[in-house]
Amino acid sequence: MHSIIKLLGNCTLFNHLSIDELTQLLSDITYNIKYYNKNQVVFSPHHSSDTLGIILDGSVDVQKIFASGKAVTVNRKFQYDLIEDASIFANIDYYPSSISTCENSRILLINKNNILKLFSKDEKIMFKYLQSVSNRVLALNTIIEILSLNSVHAKIAYFLLVERNTQNSNIIKLKFSKKSWAEHLNVSRPTLSRELRNMNLEGIISFNKRTIEIHQIEKLEKLCSI
């Protein structure tokens, strides 16, 4: 129990509380800890949207699966992140996305009624929860803007500029694989690799595995409009 509380203390909802305060707060709250193997489904459009997940260990992919069977990775979430925080209070019956593990993972699951109980116990938790949902809306707007761009290099350039602002650095650390990045941009992996090589040859960026360094911001900004 103590180890779970210690992990939860790193989650954005609870990081303002001491271990003793968090222990007391959760003393009459019902939640479950579930273990998932790699590639196991956590939530899907077949599950009722009444439960929040908090990643204690591991990571998950958030995917939109279309009728054709094509899957687009919308986001990847890591340790201490919230899962489906924007869904459980929406006017829907089922989760809009499919969420599956990228590796063996341990996830805390808490239903809507117990989340409301947490809100009544500590208003700061409610504020942080609303902040998380608002950030998700902003992230969704970014995805829509990327998908609305016509060319692949414009999508890559826009993504890198957004990440530069988010990470506050010209050296971008990707949190996911090139395959997931390609799905995120809605392009093929070979196409993404080809465009990255072209940008590298032009001296706009350089890259090594999941690290990309921006050398010419002005050129990236210009690519967004082409």
C-alpha atoms as a PDB file:
ATOM      1  CA  MET A   1       0.000   0.000   0.000  1.00  0.00           C
ATOM      2  CA  HIS A   2       2.779   2.439   0.926  1.00  0.00           C
ATOM      3  CA  SER A   3       4.512   1.858  -2.418  1.00  0.00           C
ATOM      4  CA  ILE A   4       1.282   2.626  -4.305  1.00  0.00           C
ATOM      5  CA  ILE A   5       0.770   5.856  -2.348  1.00  0.00           C
ATOM      6  CA  LYS A   6       4.365   6.863  -3.058  1.00  0.00           C
ATOM      7  CA  LEU A   7       3.863   6.325  -6.795  1.00  0.00           C
ATOM      8  CA  LEU A   8       0.556   8.219  -6.791  1.00  0.00           C
ATOM      9  CA  GLY A   9       2.321  11.148  -5.139  1.00  0.00           C
ATOM     10  CA  ASN A  10       4.088  11.730  -8.467  1.00  0.00           C
ATOM     11  CA  CYS A  11       0.787  12.054 -10.360  1.00  0.00           C
ATOM     12  CA  THR A  12      -0.231  15.614 -11.167  1.00  0.00           C
ATOM     13  CA  LEU A  13      -3.508  15.211  -9.256  1.00  0.00           C
ATOM     14  CA  PHE A  14      -1.800  14.437  -5.961  1.00  0.00           C
ATOM     15  CA  ASN A  15       1.711  15.918  -6.041  1.00  0.00           C
ATOM     16  CA  HIS A  16       0.694  18.769  -3.710  1.00  0.00           C
ATOM     17  CA  LEU A  17       0.027  16.267  -0.902  1.00  0.00           C
ATOM     18  CA  SER A  18       2.394  14.563   1.507  1.00  0.00           C
ATOM     19  CA  ILE A  19       2.372  10.767   1.734  1.00  0.00           C
ATOM     20  CA  ASP A  20       0.452  10.951   5.031  1.00  0.00           C
ATOM     21  CA  GLU A  21      -2.097  13.381   3.573  1.00  0.00           C
ATOM     22  CA  LEU A  22      -2.582  11.218   0.496  1.00  0.00           C
ATOM     23  CA  THR A  23      -2.936   8.080   2.620  1.00  0.00           C
ATOM     24  CA  GLN A  24      -5.656   9.770   4.666  1.00  0.00           C
ATOM     25  CA  LEU A  25      -7.359  11.121   1.565  1.00  0.00           C
ATOM     26  CA  LEU A  26      -7.596   7.672  -0.031  1.00  0.00           C
ATOM     27  CA  SER A  27      -8.606   5.857   3.154  1.00  0.00           C
ATOM     28  CA  ASP A  28     -12.285   5.627   2.162  1.00  0.00           C
ATOM     29  CA  ILE A  29     -11.846   5.791  -1.628  1.00  0.00           C
ATOM     30  CA  THR A  30     -12.375   2.613  -3.650  1.00  0.00           C
ATOM     31  CA  TYR A  31      -9.897   1.871  -6.433  1.00  0.00           C
ATOM     32  CA  ASN A  32      -8.272  -1.136  -8.107  1.00  0.00           C
ATOM     33  CA  ILE A  33      -4.725  -1.871  -9.221  1.00  0.00           C
ATOM     34  CA  LYS A  34      -4.547  -3.948 -12.382  1.00  0.00           C
ATOM     35  CA  TYR A  35      -1.547  -5.485 -14.162  1.00  0.00           C
ATOM     36  CA  TYR A  36      -1.475  -5.578 -17.976  1.00  0.00           C
ATOM     37  CA  ASN A  37       0.842  -7.409 -20.332  1.00  0.00           C
ATOM     38  CA  LYS A  38       2.362  -5.694 -23.370  1.00  0.00           C
ATOM     39  CA  ASN A  39      -0.193  -4.983 -26.147  1.00  0.00           C
ATOM     40  CA  GLN A  40      -3.133  -5.685 -23.830  1.00  0.00           C
ATOM     41  CA  VAL A  41      -6.238  -3.498 -24.168  1.00  0.00           C
ATOM     42  CA  VAL A  42      -6.985  -1.276 -21.172  1.00  0.00           C
ATOM     43  CA  PHE A  43      -9.995   0.648 -22.522  1.00  0.00           C
ATOM     44  CA  SER A  44     -11.833   0.377 -25.842  1.00  0.00           C
ATOM     45  CA  PRO A  45     -15.046   1.646 -27.498  1.00  0.00           C
ATOM     46  CA  HIS A  46     -16.679  -1.511 -26.101  1.00  0.00           C
ATOM     47  CA  HIS A  47     -16.050  -0.411 -22.489  1.00  0.00           C
ATOM     48  CA  SER A  48     -18.353   1.892 -20.533  1.00  0.00           C
ATOM     49  CA  SER A  49     -16.695   5.289 -20.055  1.00  0.00           C
ATOM     50  CA  ASP A  50     -16.959   5.455 -16.272  1.00  0.00           C
ATOM     51  CA  THR A  51     -13.398   4.802 -15.080  1.00  0.00           C
ATOM     52  CA  LEU A  52     -10.209   6.857 -14.927  1.00  0.00           C
ATOM     53  CA  GLY A  53      -6.803   5.224 -15.269  1.00  0.00           C
ATOM     54  CA  ILE A  54      -3.546   6.408 -13.696  1.00  0.00           C
ATOM     55  CA  ILE A  55      -0.360   4.755 -14.987  1.00  0.00           C
ATOM     56  CA  LEU A  56       1.758   3.579 -12.061  1.00  0.00           C
ATOM     57  CA  ASP A  57       4.309   1.748 -14.230  1.00  0.00           C
ATOM     58  CA  GLY A  58       4.633   1.366 -18.003  1.00  0.00           C
ATOM     59  CA  SER A  59       3.096   3.240 -20.933  1.00  0.00           C
ATOM     60  CA  VAL A  60       0.074   3.091 -23.254  1.00  0.00           C
ATOM     61  CA  ASP A  61      -0.870   4.117 -26.778  1.00  0.00           C
ATOM     62  CA  VAL A  62      -4.101   6.001 -27.438  1.00  0.00           C
ATOM     63  CA  GLN A  63      -5.390   4.986 -30.856  1.00  0.00           C
ATOM     64  CA  LYS A  64      -8.347   5.798 -33.055  1.00  0.00           C
ATOM     65  CA  ILE A  65      -9.339   2.695 -35.028  1.00  0.00           C
ATOM     66  CA  PHE A  66     -11.426   3.269 -38.153  1.00  0.00           C
ATOM     67  CA  ALA A  67     -13.932   0.946 -39.796  1.00  0.00           C
ATOM     68  CA  SER A  68     -11.315   0.034 -42.412  1.00  0.00           C
ATOM     69  CA  GLY A  69      -9.134  -1.365 -39.627  1.00  0.00           C
ATOM     70  CA  LYS A  70      -6.579   1.428 -39.931  1.00  0.00           C
ATOM     71  CA  ALA A  71      -5.246   2.620 -36.581  1.00  0.00           C
ATOM     72  CA  VAL A  72      -3.951   6.148 -35.974  1.00  0.00           C
ATOM     73  CA  THR A  73      -1.911   6.714 -32.825  1.00  0.00           C
ATOM     74  CA  VAL A  74      -3.237   9.917 -31.297  1.00  0.00           C
ATOM     75  CA  ASN A  75      -1.009   9.989 -28.245  1.00  0.00           C
ATOM     76  CA  ARG A  76       1.300   7.971 -26.027  1.00  0.00           C
ATOM     77  CA  LYS A  77       1.018   8.179 -22.239  1.00  0.00           C
ATOM     78  CA  PHE A  78       3.651   7.357 -19.670  1.00  0.00           C
ATOM     79  CA  GLN A  79       4.127   6.740 -15.942  1.00  0.00           C
ATOM     80  CA  TYR A  80       1.907   8.955 -13.742  1.00  0.00           C
ATOM     81  CA  ASP A  81      -0.205  10.146 -16.692  1.00  0.00           C
ATOM     82  CA  LEU A  82      -4.008  10.086 -16.574  1.00  0.00           C
ATOM     83  CA  ILE A  83      -5.940   7.900 -19.010  1.00  0.00           C
ATOM     84  CA  GLU A  84      -9.312   8.988 -20.416  1.00  0.00           C
ATOM     85  CA  ASP A  85      -9.719  11.923 -18.055  1.00  0.00           C
ATOM     86  CA  ALA A  86     -11.702  13.776 -20.741  1.00  0.00           C
ATOM     87  CA  SER A  87     -14.151  10.913 -21.349  1.00  0.00           C
ATOM     88  CA  ILE A  88     -15.668   9.929 -18.037  1.00  0.00           C
ATOM     89  CA  PHE A  89     -17.655  13.142 -17.538  1.00  0.00           C
ATOM     90  CA  ALA A  90     -18.570  13.541 -21.222  1.00  0.00           C
ATOM     91  CA  ASN A  91     -22.072  12.844 -22.487  1.00  0.00           C
ATOM     92  CA  ILE A  92     -21.052   9.478 -23.956  1.00  0.00           C
ATOM     93  CA  ASP A  93     -21.577   5.884 -22.885  1.00  0.00           C
ATOM     94  CA  TYR A  94     -18.368   4.341 -24.212  1.00  0.00           C
ATOM     95  CA  TYR A  95     -14.736   5.376 -24.601  1.00  0.00           C
ATOM     96  CA  PRO A  96     -14.050   7.064 -27.969  1.00  0.00           C
ATOM     97  CA  SER A  97     -10.565   5.555 -28.364  1.00  0.00           C
ATOM     98  CA  SER A  98      -8.731   2.297 -27.902  1.00  0.00           C
ATOM     99  CA  ILE A  99      -5.967   2.280 -25.314  1.00  0.00           C
ATOM    100  CA  SER A 100      -3.446  -0.547 -25.150  1.00  0.00           C
ATOM    101  CA  THR A 101      -0.165  -1.049 -23.334  1.00  0.00           C
ATOM    102  CA  CYS A 102       3.211  -0.541 -25.029  1.00  0.00           C
ATOM    103  CA  GLU A 103       4.920  -2.647 -22.365  1.00  0.00           C
ATOM    104  CA  ASN A 104       4.012  -4.536 -19.200  1.00  0.00           C
ATOM    105  CA  SER A 105       2.138  -1.969 -17.143  1.00  0.00           C
ATOM    106  CA  ARG A 106       0.437  -1.414 -13.809  1.00  0.00           C
ATOM    107  CA  ILE A 107      -2.574   0.907 -13.793  1.00  0.00           C
ATOM    108  CA  LEU A 108      -4.754   2.266 -11.019  1.00  0.00           C
ATOM    109  CA  LEU A 109      -8.447   2.332 -11.933  1.00  0.00           C
ATOM    110  CA  ILE A 110     -10.949   4.555 -10.145  1.00  0.00           C
ATOM    111  CA  ASN A 111     -14.589   5.050 -11.101  1.00  0.00           C
ATOM    112  CA  LYS A 112     -16.468   8.311 -11.584  1.00  0.00           C
ATOM    113  CA  ASN A 113     -18.250   8.301  -8.210  1.00  0.00           C
ATOM    114  CA  ASN A 114     -15.004   7.971  -6.304  1.00  0.00           C
ATOM    115  CA  ILE A 115     -13.397  10.732  -8.375  1.00  0.00           C
ATOM    116  CA  LEU A 116     -16.276  13.007  -7.396  1.00  0.00           C
ATOM    117  CA  LYS A 117     -15.648  12.057  -3.776  1.00  0.00           C
ATOM    118  CA  LEU A 118     -12.004  13.087  -4.202  1.00  0.00           C
ATOM    119  CA  PHE A 119     -13.119  16.437  -5.637  1.00  0.00           C
ATOM    120  CA  SER A 120     -15.301  17.064  -2.571  1.00  0.00           C
ATOM    121  CA  LYS A 121     -12.401  16.232  -0.258  1.00  0.00           C
ATOM    122  CA  ASP A 122      -9.808  18.425  -1.989  1.00  0.00           C
ATOM    123  CA  GLU A 123     -10.762  21.184  -4.439  1.00  0.00           C
ATOM    124  CA  LYS A 124      -7.177  21.411  -5.670  1.00  0.00           C
ATOM    125  CA  ILE A 125      -7.514  17.902  -7.109  1.00  0.00           C
ATOM    126  CA  MET A 126     -10.577  19.076  -9.034  1.00  0.00           C
ATOM    127  CA  PHE A 127      -8.676  22.116 -10.324  1.00  0.00           C
ATOM    128  CA  LYS A 128      -5.791  19.933 -11.504  1.00  0.00           C
ATOM    129  CA  TYR A 129      -8.192  17.509 -13.126  1.00  0.00           C
ATOM    130  CA  LEU A 130      -9.856  20.318 -15.099  1.00  0.00           C
ATOM    131  CA  GLN A 131      -6.424  21.607 -16.069  1.00  0.00           C
ATOM    132  CA  SER A 132      -5.516  18.157 -17.421  1.00  0.00           C
ATOM    133  CA  VAL A 133      -8.704  18.019 -19.496  1.00  0.00           C
ATOM    134  CA  SER A 134      -8.053  21.527 -20.846  1.00  0.00           C
ATOM    135  CA  ASN A 135      -4.533  20.542 -21.872  1.00  0.00           C
ATOM    136  CA  ARG A 136      -5.961  17.535 -23.700  1.00  0.00           C
ATOM    137  CA  VAL A 137      -8.271  19.838 -25.679  1.00  0.00           C
ATOM    138  CA  LEU A 138      -5.296  21.990 -26.661  1.00  0.00           C
ATOM    139  CA  ALA A 139      -3.348  18.887 -27.695  1.00  0.00           C
ATOM    140  CA  LEU A 140      -6.291  17.744 -29.803  1.00  0.00           C
ATOM    141  CA  ASN A 141      -6.372  21.116 -31.556  1.00  0.00           C
ATOM    142  CA  THR A 142      -2.686  20.656 -32.410  1.00  0.00           C
ATOM    143  CA  ILE A 143      -3.407  17.226 -33.913  1.00  0.00           C
ATOM    144  CA  ILE A 144      -6.235  18.666 -36.006  1.00  0.00           C
ATOM    145  CA  GLU A 145      -3.955  21.432 -37.263  1.00  0.00           C
ATOM    146  CA  ILE A 146      -1.264  18.898 -38.198  1.00  0.00           C
ATOM    147  CA  LEU A 147      -3.715  16.678 -40.065  1.00  0.00           C
ATOM    148  CA  SER A 148      -5.108  19.685 -41.942  1.00  0.00           C
ATOM    149  CA  LEU A 149      -1.711  20.447 -43.501  1.00  0.00           C
ATOM    150  CA  ASN A 150      -1.303  19.227 -47.075  1.00  0.00           C
ATOM    151  CA  SER A 151       2.328  18.177 -47.324  1.00  0.00           C
ATOM    152  CA  VAL A 152       4.323  15.711 -45.241  1.00  0.00           C
ATOM    153  CA  HIS A 153       7.185  18.149 -44.643  1.00  0.00           C
ATOM    154  CA  ALA A 154       4.681  20.746 -43.413  1.00  0.00           C
ATOM    155  CA  LYS A 155       3.259  18.232 -40.916  1.00  0.00           C
ATOM    156  CA  ILE A 156       6.739  17.319 -39.663  1.00  0.00           C
ATOM    157  CA  ALA A 157       7.806  20.962 -39.435  1.00  0.00           C
ATOM    158  CA  TYR A 158       4.682  21.983 -37.530  1.00  0.00           C
ATOM    159  CA  PHE A 159       5.045  19.054 -35.131  1.00  0.00           C
ATOM    160  CA  LEU A 160       8.690  19.919 -34.418  1.00  0.00           C
ATOM    161  CA  LEU A 161       7.884  23.578 -33.812  1.00  0.00           C
ATOM    162  CA  VAL A 162       5.128  22.662 -31.356  1.00  0.00           C
ATOM    163  CA  GLU A 163       7.466  20.261 -29.549  1.00  0.00           C
ATOM    164  CA  ARG A 164      10.197  22.918 -29.479  1.00  0.00           C
ATOM    165  CA  ASN A 165       7.844  25.252 -27.628  1.00  0.00           C
ATOM    166  CA  THR A 166       6.632  22.477 -25.332  1.00  0.00           C
ATOM    167  CA  GLN A 167      10.112  21.210 -24.456  1.00  0.00           C
ATOM    168  CA  ASN A 168      11.624  24.725 -24.560  1.00  0.00           C
ATOM    169  CA  SER A 169      14.631  23.446 -26.478  1.00  0.00           C
ATOM    170  CA  ASN A 170      15.937  23.076 -30.018  1.00  0.00           C
ATOM    171  CA  ILE A 171      16.789  19.485 -29.116  1.00  0.00           C
ATOM    172  CA  ILE A 172      13.572  17.476 -29.299  1.00  0.00           C
ATOM    173  CA  LYS A 173      13.227  14.207 -27.399  1.00  0.00           C
ATOM    174  CA  LEU A 174      10.568  12.033 -29.017  1.00  0.00           C
ATOM    175  CA  LYS A 175       8.509  10.048 -26.521  1.00  0.00           C
ATOM    176  CA  PHE A 176       7.465   7.413 -29.043  1.00  0.00           C
ATOM    177  CA  SER A 177       8.796   5.346 -31.924  1.00  0.00           C
ATOM    178  CA  LYS A 178       9.022   6.490 -35.535  1.00  0.00           C
ATOM    179  CA  LYS A 179       6.159   4.118 -36.351  1.00  0.00           C
ATOM    180  CA  SER A 180       3.904   5.820 -33.780  1.00  0.00           C
ATOM    181  CA  TRP A 181       5.059   9.248 -34.982  1.00  0.00           C
ATOM    182  CA  ALA A 182       4.109   8.355 -38.557  1.00  0.00           C
ATOM    183  CA  GLU A 183       0.663   7.253 -37.374  1.00  0.00           C
ATOM    184  CA  HIS A 184       0.349  10.471 -35.397  1.00  0.00           C
ATOM    185  CA  LEU A 185       1.033  12.470 -38.591  1.00  0.00           C
ATOM    186  CA  ASN A 186      -1.146  10.105 -40.673  1.00  0.00           C
ATOM    187  CA  VAL A 187       1.701   9.279 -43.081  1.00  0.00           C
ATOM    188  CA  SER A 188       3.586   6.067 -43.842  1.00  0.00           C
ATOM    189  CA  ARG A 189       6.779   5.301 -41.948  1.00  0.00           C
ATOM    190  CA  PRO A 190       8.931   5.184 -45.142  1.00  0.00           C
ATOM    191  CA  THR A 191       7.565   8.589 -46.157  1.00  0.00           C
ATOM    192  CA  LEU A 192       8.373  10.048 -42.754  1.00  0.00           C
ATOM    193  CA  SER A 193      11.914   8.630 -42.887  1.00  0.00           C
ATOM    194  CA  ARG A 194      12.462  10.016 -46.404  1.00  0.00           C
ATOM    195  CA  GLU A 195      11.332  13.517 -45.447  1.00  0.00           C
ATOM    196  CA  LEU A 196      13.494  13.494 -42.325  1.00  0.00           C
ATOM    197  CA  ARG A 197      16.514  12.529 -44.421  1.00  0.00           C
ATOM    198  CA  ASN A 198      15.748  15.369 -46.844  1.00  0.00           C
ATOM    199  CA  MET A 199      15.529  17.869 -43.987  1.00  0.00           C
ATOM    200  CA  ASN A 200      18.797  16.523 -42.634  1.00  0.00           C
ATOM    201  CA  LEU A 201      20.537  16.908 -46.010  1.00  0.00           C
ATOM    202  CA  GLU A 202      19.274  20.488 -46.247  1.00  0.00           C
ATOM    203  CA  GLY A 203      20.725  21.237 -42.822  1.00  0.00           C
ATOM    204  CA  ILE A 204      17.349  22.083 -41.294  1.00  0.00           C
ATOM    205  CA  ILE A 205      17.564  19.350 -38.678  1.00  0.00           C
ATOM    206  CA  SER A 206      19.770  16.471 -37.598  1.00  0.00           C
ATOM    207  CA  PHE A 207      18.543  13.343 -35.867  1.00  0.00           C
ATOM    208  CA  ASN A 208      19.724  10.279 -34.035  1.00  0.00           C
ATOM    209  CA  LYS A 209      17.126   7.680 -33.069  1.00  0.00           C
ATOM    210  CA  ARG A 210      14.564   9.562 -30.933  1.00  0.00           C
ATOM    211  CA  THR A 211      16.509  12.804 -30.678  1.00  0.00           C
ATOM    212  CA  ILE A 212      16.056  15.588 -33.240  1.00  0.00           C
ATOM    213  CA  GLU A 213      18.013  18.842 -33.199  1.00  0.00           C
ATOM    214  CA  ILE A 214      16.606  21.884 -34.983  1.00  0.00           C
ATOM    215  CA  HIS A 215      19.237  23.982 -36.775  1.00  0.00           C
ATOM    216  CA  GLN A 216      17.115  26.337 -38.902  1.00  0.00           C
ATOM    217  CA  ILE A 217      13.880  27.445 -37.229  1.00  0.00           C
ATOM    218  CA  GLU A 218      13.051  29.917 -40.017  1.00  0.00           C
ATOM    219  CA  LYS A 219      13.114  27.155 -42.635  1.00  0.00           C
ATOM    220  CA  LEU A 220      10.846  24.980 -40.493  1.00  0.00           C
ATOM    221  CA  GLU A 221       8.398  27.867 -40.192  1.00  0.00           C
ATOM    222  CA  LYS A 222       8.528  28.364 -43.977  1.00  0.00           C
ATOM    223  CA  LEU A 223       7.834  24.656 -44.592  1.00  0.00           C
ATOM    224  CA  CYS A 224       4.607  24.946 -42.595  1.00  0.00           C
ATOM    225  CA  SER A 225       3.154  27.217 -45.273  1.00  0.00           C
ATOM    226  CA  ILE A 226       4.184  25.123 -48.285  1.00  0.00           C
END
